[in-house]
Amino acid sequence: MEQKNSMSVEPVAHAPLPDLPTVERGYREVNDVSLHVVAAGDPNDPLVVFLHGFPEFWYQWHDYIEPFVEAGYRVVVPDQRGYNRSERPAGVRPYRLTELSGDIVDLIATEDRETAHVVGHDWGAFVGWDLALRHPEMVDRLGIINVPHPEVLQQVIRSNLTQFRKSWYVFFFQVPGLPQWVLRRDDYEFLAAAMRDGSRPSTFSESELDRYRQAWAGEGTVTAMINWYRAIVRHSESPPRKRVQASTQIIWGENDRALVPELAPKSLSYCDDGDLKQFSDATHWIPHEHPQRVFDLLLDHLGS
């Protein structure tokens, strides 16, 4: 990977890399931005790209890298634009969904591949949906965790008062200035509490949350993270199709504070070849709560 030291991105999270002989970190120039990327595994093995959500960074997937490499995959995990060590373009327009999925198109190309398996959680899953709908030729198999198909989300927000209320933060993030102040105050407690209180007890240790706090402390990071939400409201661009052609595994923790459970089966109905696994004892943070379950489902899906 090309190393790039010209960006000022300190402070950054002190997140340890997996103990693998093939693991590497570096920067890749994609779609006019520089993304920090962690990668591991034989470059000739099938490629799987893992996409983190809000408010995380590549470290969300650290427990998955080694087992997928051992299972015979090449694993690539970026900090998505605006997060942690990756570049943070100024303004709202650079965070349009078309740009976010375009980043992953180019990221796959940096591996000299024409397609990849793509797995995403939260916003990472939203990017995965858009990639599969806007660039279907790039996605081999798709893994979606606790984020609905974009068409379903629009329908349900309009028709379901409970979901409309649960989406309050999306509207709050549109306010100038105030959301940044709220998210930064008390050592980023708003963000830490969203993870700690929205998940099963002891899912996140304080040392792990400290790693996230370090990532959030980068200059302009909080604003960039919020701009993802601003761009989806202000600059929404519908993909050219609604149905997902790629074989899709949807994994859903039913106790999601932000999303009603009915979004999951409705999303499945937009997949030509899809499967849904719902877990009544899991929350939005199921990749952290039940990593073995999620790993087993994804491994079976990618290898089938």
Protein backbone atom coordinates (compact mmCIF):
# COMPACT_ATOMS: atom_id res chain seq x y z
CA MET A 1 0.00 0.00 0.00
CA GLU A 2 1.11 3.52 -0.63
CA GLN A 3 2.08 5.33 2.54
CA LYS A 4 0.98 8.93 2.79
CA ASN A 5 2.17 11.12 5.64
CA SER A 6 1.09 14.56 4.43
CA MET A 7 -2.34 14.53 6.07
CA SER A 8 -2.65 15.90 9.58
CA VAL A 9 -4.98 13.43 11.24
CA GLU A 10 -3.74 13.34 14.84
CA PRO A 11 -4.91 12.29 17.30
CA VAL A 12 -5.85 8.83 16.09
CA ALA A 13 -7.10 5.81 17.93
CA HIS A 14 -4.50 3.48 19.41
CA ALA A 15 -6.18 0.39 18.03
CA PRO A 16 -3.92 -2.68 17.82
CA LEU A 17 -3.69 -4.58 14.56
CA PRO A 18 -4.52 -8.30 14.54
CA ASP A 19 -1.52 -10.53 15.21
CA LEU A 20 -1.18 -11.86 11.68
CA PRO A 21 1.96 -12.10 9.55
CA THR A 22 0.12 -10.71 6.53
CA VAL A 23 -1.58 -7.75 8.22
CA GLU A 24 -0.73 -4.30 6.89
CA ARG A 25 -1.99 -0.76 7.19
CA GLY A 26 -1.59 2.13 4.82
CA TYR A 27 -3.37 4.71 2.70
CA ARG A 28 -5.06 4.23 -0.66
CA GLU A 29 -6.04 6.97 -3.06
CA VAL A 30 -9.65 6.34 -4.08
CA ASN A 31 -12.27 8.62 -5.60
CA ASP A 32 -10.23 11.76 -4.85
CA VAL A 33 -9.76 10.96 -1.14
CA SER A 34 -7.15 9.12 0.88
CA LEU A 35 -8.54 6.23 2.91
CA HIS A 36 -6.71 4.54 5.74
CA VAL A 37 -6.99 0.79 5.20
CA VAL A 38 -6.17 -2.31 7.22
CA ALA A 39 -5.73 -5.44 5.11
CA ALA A 40 -4.67 -9.03 5.70
CA GLY A 41 -4.58 -12.37 3.95
CA ASP A 42 -3.26 -13.78 0.70
CA PRO A 43 -3.82 -11.25 -2.12
CA ASN A 44 -4.97 -14.13 -4.32
CA ASP A 45 -7.72 -15.29 -1.96
CA PRO A 46 -11.36 -14.23 -2.42
CA LEU A 47 -11.78 -10.61 -1.34
CA VAL A 48 -14.16 -9.45 1.37
CA VAL A 49 -14.51 -5.76 2.27
CA PHE A 50 -15.86 -4.87 5.72
CA LEU A 51 -17.52 -1.46 6.18
CA HIS A 52 -17.98 0.08 9.62
CA GLY A 53 -20.88 2.26 10.69
CA PHE A 54 -21.48 5.34 12.82
CA PRO A 55 -19.74 6.19 15.10
CA GLU A 56 -17.06 3.52 14.69
CA PHE A 57 -13.97 3.01 12.51
CA TRP A 58 -12.06 0.05 11.07
CA TYR A 59 -11.59 -1.35 14.59
CA GLN A 60 -15.24 -2.44 14.63
CA TRP A 61 -14.17 -5.47 12.59
CA HIS A 62 -10.88 -6.31 14.34
CA ASP A 63 -12.23 -9.58 15.78
CA TYR A 64 -13.30 -10.71 12.30
CA ILE A 65 -10.07 -10.20 10.39
CA GLU A 66 -8.09 -13.17 11.67
CA PRO A 67 -10.88 -15.79 11.43
CA PHE A 68 -11.76 -14.74 7.88
CA VAL A 69 -8.11 -14.83 6.84
CA GLU A 70 -7.80 -18.29 8.39
CA ALA A 71 -10.92 -19.31 6.46
CA GLY A 72 -9.17 -18.40 3.20
CA TYR A 73 -10.17 -14.80 2.50
CA ARG A 74 -8.33 -11.61 1.68
CA VAL A 75 -9.77 -9.03 4.11
CA VAL A 76 -9.80 -5.27 3.52
CA VAL A 77 -11.20 -2.90 6.16
CA PRO A 78 -11.13 0.87 5.54
CA ASP A 79 -11.75 3.81 7.78
CA GLN A 80 -14.49 5.31 5.65
CA ARG A 81 -14.09 8.92 4.55
CA GLY A 82 -14.29 11.35 7.44
CA TYR A 83 -13.40 8.74 10.07
CA ASN A 84 -10.28 8.18 12.18
CA ARG A 85 -7.16 8.25 9.95
CA SER A 86 -8.96 8.72 6.63
CA GLU A 87 -9.25 12.05 4.85
CA ARG A 88 -12.03 14.41 5.90
CA PRO A 89 -13.19 16.57 2.98
CA ALA A 90 -14.78 19.88 3.96
CA GLY A 91 -18.47 20.51 3.43
CA VAL A 92 -21.53 18.29 3.11
CA ARG A 93 -21.58 17.34 -0.58
CA PRO A 94 -18.46 15.11 -0.39
CA TYR A 95 -20.44 12.79 1.90
CA ARG A 96 -23.19 12.03 -0.60
CA LEU A 97 -23.98 8.35 -0.81
CA THR A 98 -22.82 8.25 -4.41
CA GLU A 99 -19.36 9.34 -3.24
CA LEU A 100 -19.31 6.88 -0.33
CA SER A 101 -20.11 3.90 -2.53
CA GLY A 102 -17.76 5.27 -5.18
CA ASP A 103 -14.97 5.05 -2.60
CA ILE A 104 -15.57 1.31 -2.30
CA VAL A 105 -15.68 0.81 -6.07
CA ASP A 106 -12.18 2.28 -6.27
CA LEU A 107 -11.03 0.47 -3.13
CA ILE A 108 -11.92 -2.87 -4.72
CA ALA A 109 -9.96 -1.82 -7.79
CA THR A 110 -6.85 -1.18 -5.66
CA GLU A 111 -6.86 -4.92 -4.99
CA ASP A 112 -6.78 -5.55 -8.76
CA ARG A 113 -10.25 -7.07 -8.52
CA GLU A 114 -13.40 -6.54 -10.49
CA THR A 115 -15.72 -7.77 -7.70
CA ALA A 116 -15.72 -8.40 -3.97
CA HIS A 117 -17.88 -9.70 -1.17
CA VAL A 118 -19.08 -6.67 0.83
CA VAL A 119 -20.20 -6.71 4.47
CA GLY A 120 -21.52 -3.64 6.25
CA HIS A 121 -23.08 -2.64 9.55
CA ASP A 122 -25.10 0.51 10.22
CA TRP A 123 -23.90 3.20 7.76
CA GLY A 124 -21.51 0.64 6.32
CA ALA A 125 -24.53 -1.47 5.42
CA PHE A 126 -26.21 1.56 3.84
CA VAL A 127 -23.13 2.01 1.67
CA GLY A 128 -23.32 -1.72 0.89
CA TRP A 129 -26.93 -1.43 -0.24
CA ASP A 130 -26.08 1.55 -2.45
CA LEU A 131 -23.07 -0.21 -3.92
CA ALA A 132 -25.17 -3.25 -4.80
CA LEU A 133 -27.89 -1.07 -6.35
CA ARG A 134 -25.67 1.46 -8.13
CA HIS A 135 -22.76 -0.80 -9.08
CA PRO A 136 -24.20 -4.34 -9.08
CA GLU A 137 -21.34 -5.64 -11.19
CA MET A 138 -18.94 -4.95 -8.29
CA VAL A 139 -20.68 -7.00 -5.59
CA ASP A 140 -20.36 -10.76 -5.46
CA ARG A 141 -22.18 -11.45 -2.19
CA LEU A 142 -23.59 -8.90 0.22
CA GLY A 143 -23.79 -8.99 4.02
CA ILE A 144 -26.13 -6.47 5.68
CA ILE A 145 -26.34 -5.93 9.44
CA ASN A 146 -29.06 -3.79 11.05
CA VAL A 147 -29.76 -1.27 8.33
CA PRO A 148 -32.74 -1.47 5.98
CA HIS A 149 -32.88 -1.25 2.22
CA PRO A 150 -33.04 2.51 1.41
CA GLU A 151 -36.45 2.27 -0.28
CA VAL A 152 -37.86 0.49 2.77
CA LEU A 153 -36.46 3.08 5.16
CA GLN A 154 -38.11 5.91 3.24
CA GLN A 155 -41.46 4.10 3.17
CA VAL A 156 -41.48 3.19 6.84
CA ILE A 157 -40.35 6.60 8.11
CA ARG A 158 -43.30 8.12 6.26
CA SER A 159 -45.86 5.55 7.43
CA ASN A 160 -44.71 4.44 10.90
CA LEU A 161 -44.84 7.04 13.67
CA THR A 162 -42.65 4.89 15.94
CA GLN A 163 -39.88 4.78 13.34
CA PHE A 164 -40.25 8.50 12.70
CA ARG A 165 -39.69 9.16 16.40
CA LYS A 166 -36.76 6.76 16.55
CA SER A 167 -35.13 8.71 13.72
CA TRP A 168 -35.08 11.96 15.73
CA TYR A 169 -31.28 12.20 15.69
CA VAL A 170 -31.21 12.34 11.88
CA PHE A 171 -33.25 15.55 12.02
CA PHE A 172 -31.22 16.88 14.97
CA PHE A 173 -28.00 16.44 12.99
CA GLN A 174 -29.33 18.85 10.35
CA VAL A 175 -29.08 21.76 12.81
CA PRO A 176 -25.98 23.92 12.26
CA GLY A 177 -23.32 23.80 14.98
CA LEU A 178 -25.32 22.40 17.89
CA PRO A 179 -24.86 18.68 17.11
CA GLN A 180 -21.07 19.07 17.07
CA TRP A 181 -21.15 20.69 20.50
CA VAL A 182 -23.42 17.97 21.90
CA LEU A 183 -21.33 15.12 20.52
CA ARG A 184 -18.04 16.58 21.80
CA ARG A 185 -19.14 17.58 25.29
CA ASP A 186 -18.19 15.51 28.36
CA ASP A 187 -15.49 13.61 26.44
CA TYR A 188 -17.86 12.44 23.68
CA GLU A 189 -20.32 10.95 26.16
CA PHE A 190 -23.24 11.21 23.71
CA LEU A 191 -21.47 8.83 21.34
CA ALA A 192 -20.08 6.56 24.03
CA ALA A 193 -23.52 6.29 25.65
CA ALA A 194 -25.14 5.40 22.32
CA MET A 195 -22.84 2.39 22.15
CA ARG A 196 -22.74 1.50 25.85
CA ASP A 197 -26.42 2.01 26.68
CA GLY A 198 -27.80 0.78 23.37
CA SER A 199 -26.07 -2.61 23.61
CA ARG A 200 -26.21 -5.59 25.93
CA PRO A 201 -24.39 -5.07 29.26
CA SER A 202 -20.59 -5.24 29.07
CA THR A 203 -20.52 -5.32 25.28
CA PHE A 204 -18.07 -2.42 25.18
CA SER A 205 -15.30 -2.12 27.75
CA GLU A 206 -14.13 1.31 28.87
CA SER A 207 -10.76 0.70 27.21
CA GLU A 208 -12.54 0.03 23.92
CA LEU A 209 -14.63 3.17 24.29
CA ASP A 210 -11.43 5.10 24.96
CA ARG A 211 -10.13 3.93 21.58
CA TYR A 212 -13.27 5.32 19.99
CA ARG A 213 -12.90 8.60 21.88
CA GLN A 214 -9.40 8.95 20.46
CA ALA A 215 -10.75 8.37 16.97
CA TRP A 216 -13.53 10.95 17.46
CA ALA A 217 -11.01 13.54 18.68
CA GLY A 218 -9.40 14.03 15.29
CA GLU A 219 -9.78 17.58 13.97
CA GLY A 220 -13.00 17.79 11.97
CA THR A 221 -13.98 14.18 12.60
CA VAL A 222 -17.24 14.86 14.44
CA THR A 223 -18.36 17.29 11.75
CA ALA A 224 -17.48 14.79 9.01
CA MET A 225 -19.44 12.04 10.76
CA ILE A 226 -22.48 14.31 11.06
CA ASN A 227 -22.14 15.33 7.42
CA TRP A 228 -22.99 11.78 6.36
CA TYR A 229 -26.45 12.39 7.84
CA ARG A 230 -26.70 15.88 6.40
CA ALA A 231 -25.82 14.70 2.92
CA ILE A 232 -28.42 11.91 2.89
CA VAL A 233 -31.12 14.51 3.62
CA ARG A 234 -29.85 17.38 1.47
CA HIS A 235 -28.34 15.54 -1.49
CA SER A 236 -30.20 12.27 -1.81
CA GLU A 237 -29.75 10.55 -5.18
CA SER A 238 -31.81 7.44 -5.83
CA PRO A 239 -29.92 4.52 -7.40
CA PRO A 240 -30.99 3.33 -10.86
CA ARG A 241 -32.68 0.20 -9.51
CA LYS A 242 -34.53 -0.94 -6.39
CA ARG A 243 -33.90 -4.68 -6.44
CA VAL A 244 -30.65 -6.23 -5.25
CA GLN A 245 -29.25 -8.85 -7.57
CA ALA A 246 -26.35 -10.00 -5.38
CA SER A 247 -26.99 -12.88 -3.00
CA THR A 248 -27.69 -11.13 0.31
CA GLN A 249 -27.52 -12.20 3.95
CA ILE A 250 -29.38 -9.86 6.32
CA ILE A 251 -28.54 -10.17 10.02
CA TRP A 252 -30.76 -8.26 12.44
CA GLY A 253 -30.73 -7.65 16.18
CA GLU A 254 -34.36 -7.02 17.03
CA ASN A 255 -33.73 -4.83 20.09
CA ASP A 256 -32.47 -1.95 17.99
CA ARG A 257 -33.19 1.38 19.64
CA ALA A 258 -33.18 3.25 16.34
CA LEU A 259 -34.93 0.84 13.96
CA VAL A 260 -38.21 -1.06 14.16
CA PRO A 261 -37.98 -4.83 13.51
CA GLU A 262 -40.38 -4.79 10.55
CA LEU A 263 -37.69 -3.10 8.46
CA ALA A 264 -35.80 -6.39 8.19
CA PRO A 265 -38.38 -8.58 6.40
CA LYS A 266 -39.44 -5.65 4.22
CA SER A 267 -35.81 -5.26 3.14
CA LEU A 268 -35.55 -8.95 2.35
CA SER A 269 -38.43 -8.56 -0.12
CA TYR A 270 -36.19 -6.35 -2.28
CA CYS A 271 -33.53 -9.06 -2.66
CA ASP A 272 -33.63 -11.45 -5.61
CA ASP A 273 -31.66 -14.01 -3.58
CA GLY A 274 -31.79 -13.18 0.10
CA ASP A 275 -31.86 -14.70 3.57
CA LEU A 276 -32.78 -13.08 6.88
CA LYS A 277 -31.67 -14.09 10.37
CA GLN A 278 -33.25 -12.15 13.23
CA PHE A 279 -32.09 -12.40 16.85
CA SER A 280 -34.42 -11.47 19.69
CA ASP A 281 -31.55 -11.32 22.20
CA ALA A 282 -29.43 -8.85 20.21
CA THR A 283 -29.41 -5.12 19.59
CA HIS A 284 -28.12 -2.82 16.89
CA TRP A 285 -24.63 -3.76 18.04
CA ILE A 286 -24.90 -7.47 17.25
CA PRO A 287 -21.46 -7.65 15.54
CA HIS A 288 -19.95 -6.92 18.98
CA GLU A 289 -22.49 -8.82 21.06
CA HIS A 290 -22.47 -12.09 19.14
CA PRO A 291 -19.34 -12.17 16.96
CA GLN A 292 -19.36 -15.96 16.63
CA ARG A 293 -22.96 -16.00 15.38
CA VAL A 294 -22.27 -13.23 12.91
CA PHE A 295 -19.03 -14.85 11.74
CA ASP A 296 -20.68 -18.22 11.20
CA LEU A 297 -23.56 -16.72 9.21
CA LEU A 298 -21.29 -14.60 7.05
CA LEU A 299 -18.79 -17.40 6.44
CA ASP A 300 -21.57 -19.74 5.38
CA HIS A 301 -23.06 -17.07 3.13
CA LEU A 302 -19.82 -16.06 1.44
CA GLY A 303 -18.80 -19.63 0.85
CA SER A 304 -22.11 -21.00 -0.38
